[in-house]
């Protein structure tokens, strides 16, 4: 049995404010799942719960749980750029 919470903790997340939606949007990079919240913290909490539930359904259905990625941050021209590399390359 896999440790769902370990996967939730190690997936990569992108959080940004959407002027169009008037909310913070959060996305799990590996799964493509999105959630939203009125604050960054709420968006992060919501995306982690959405990922947890999604993974539970995958396990329940006997489907493969996508691997997590290693996240490397680089500084390019004063901007932080996240580069995702698959652990299994």
Protein backbone atom coordinates (compact mmCIF):
# COMPACT_ATOMS: atom_id res chain seq x y z
CA UNK A 1 0.00 0.00 0.00
CA UNK A 2 1.34 3.43 -0.89
CA UNK A 3 1.58 6.34 1.53
CA UNK A 4 -0.91 8.80 0.02
CA UNK A 5 0.17 11.68 2.27
CA UNK A 6 3.81 11.25 1.21
CA UNK A 7 2.75 11.64 -2.43
CA UNK A 8 0.63 14.70 -1.59
CA UNK A 9 3.60 16.25 0.19
CA UNK A 10 6.05 15.56 -2.66
CA UNK A 11 4.02 16.58 -5.70
CA UNK A 12 4.78 19.98 -7.26
CA UNK A 13 2.25 22.80 -6.94
CA UNK A 14 1.85 26.12 -8.71
CA UNK A 15 -0.17 28.85 -6.96
CA UNK A 16 -1.03 32.21 -8.53
CA UNK A 17 -3.63 34.95 -8.29
CA UNK A 18 -6.13 35.13 -11.15
CA UNK A 19 -7.55 38.60 -11.76
CA UNK A 20 -10.22 37.06 -13.99
CA UNK A 21 -11.43 34.73 -11.21
CA UNK A 22 -10.61 37.05 -8.32
CA UNK A 23 -9.06 34.13 -6.45
CA UNK A 24 -5.84 32.23 -5.94
CA UNK A 25 -5.59 29.20 -8.20
CA UNK A 26 -3.48 26.17 -7.37
CA UNK A 27 -2.45 23.38 -9.70
CA UNK A 28 -0.75 20.05 -9.08
CA UNK A 29 1.78 19.88 -11.91
CA UNK A 30 1.99 16.08 -12.12
CA UNK A 31 -1.77 15.45 -12.06
CA UNK A 32 -3.17 18.56 -13.74
CA UNK A 33 -5.71 18.98 -10.92
CA UNK A 34 -6.71 22.53 -9.97
CA UNK A 35 -8.33 24.15 -6.92
CA UNK A 36 -8.90 27.69 -5.72
CA UNK A 37 -9.11 29.76 -2.56
CA UNK A 38 -9.51 33.32 -1.33
CA UNK A 39 -5.93 33.25 0.04
CA UNK A 40 -2.75 31.44 -1.00
CA UNK A 41 -2.98 29.29 2.12
CA UNK A 42 -6.57 28.30 1.36
CA UNK A 43 -5.68 27.45 -2.26
CA UNK A 44 -2.78 25.27 -1.08
CA UNK A 45 -5.00 23.51 1.46
CA UNK A 46 -7.69 22.92 -1.18
CA UNK A 47 -5.29 21.55 -3.82
CA UNK A 48 -3.70 19.15 -1.34
CA UNK A 49 -7.13 17.85 -0.33
CA UNK A 50 -8.15 17.48 -4.00
CA UNK A 51 -4.93 15.56 -4.73
CA UNK A 52 -5.43 13.33 -1.66
CA UNK A 53 -8.97 12.41 -2.72
CA UNK A 54 -7.88 11.85 -6.35
CA UNK A 55 -5.09 9.51 -5.24
CA UNK A 56 -7.43 7.58 -2.95
CA UNK A 57 -9.76 7.02 -5.92
CA UNK A 58 -6.85 5.88 -8.12
CA UNK A 59 -5.74 3.36 -5.49
CA UNK A 60 -9.31 2.18 -4.91
CA UNK A 61 -9.75 1.59 -8.66
CA UNK A 62 -6.39 -0.20 -8.94
CA UNK A 63 -4.94 2.50 -11.22
CA UNK A 64 -1.32 3.62 -11.27
CA UNK A 65 -0.40 6.58 -9.08
CA UNK A 66 1.77 8.99 -11.13
CA UNK A 67 5.28 9.48 -9.70
CA UNK A 68 6.32 12.72 -8.08
CA UNK A 69 8.92 14.98 -9.70
CA UNK A 70 12.09 16.50 -8.34
CA UNK A 71 11.76 20.27 -8.32
CA UNK A 72 14.88 22.34 -9.01
CA UNK A 73 14.76 26.13 -8.77
CA UNK A 74 17.12 28.25 -10.89
CA UNK A 75 17.66 31.97 -10.82
CA UNK A 76 17.58 33.37 -14.36
CA UNK A 77 17.79 37.15 -14.89
CA UNK A 78 16.64 37.70 -11.31
CA UNK A 79 13.60 35.44 -11.67
CA UNK A 80 13.11 32.11 -9.95
CA UNK A 81 12.35 29.43 -12.53
CA UNK A 82 11.21 25.99 -11.40
CA UNK A 83 12.44 23.07 -13.50
CA UNK A 84 10.73 19.73 -13.00
CA UNK A 85 12.75 16.60 -13.61
CA UNK A 86 11.33 13.11 -13.48
CA UNK A 87 12.95 11.04 -10.70
CA UNK A 88 12.93 7.97 -12.94
CA UNK A 89 14.98 9.33 -15.87
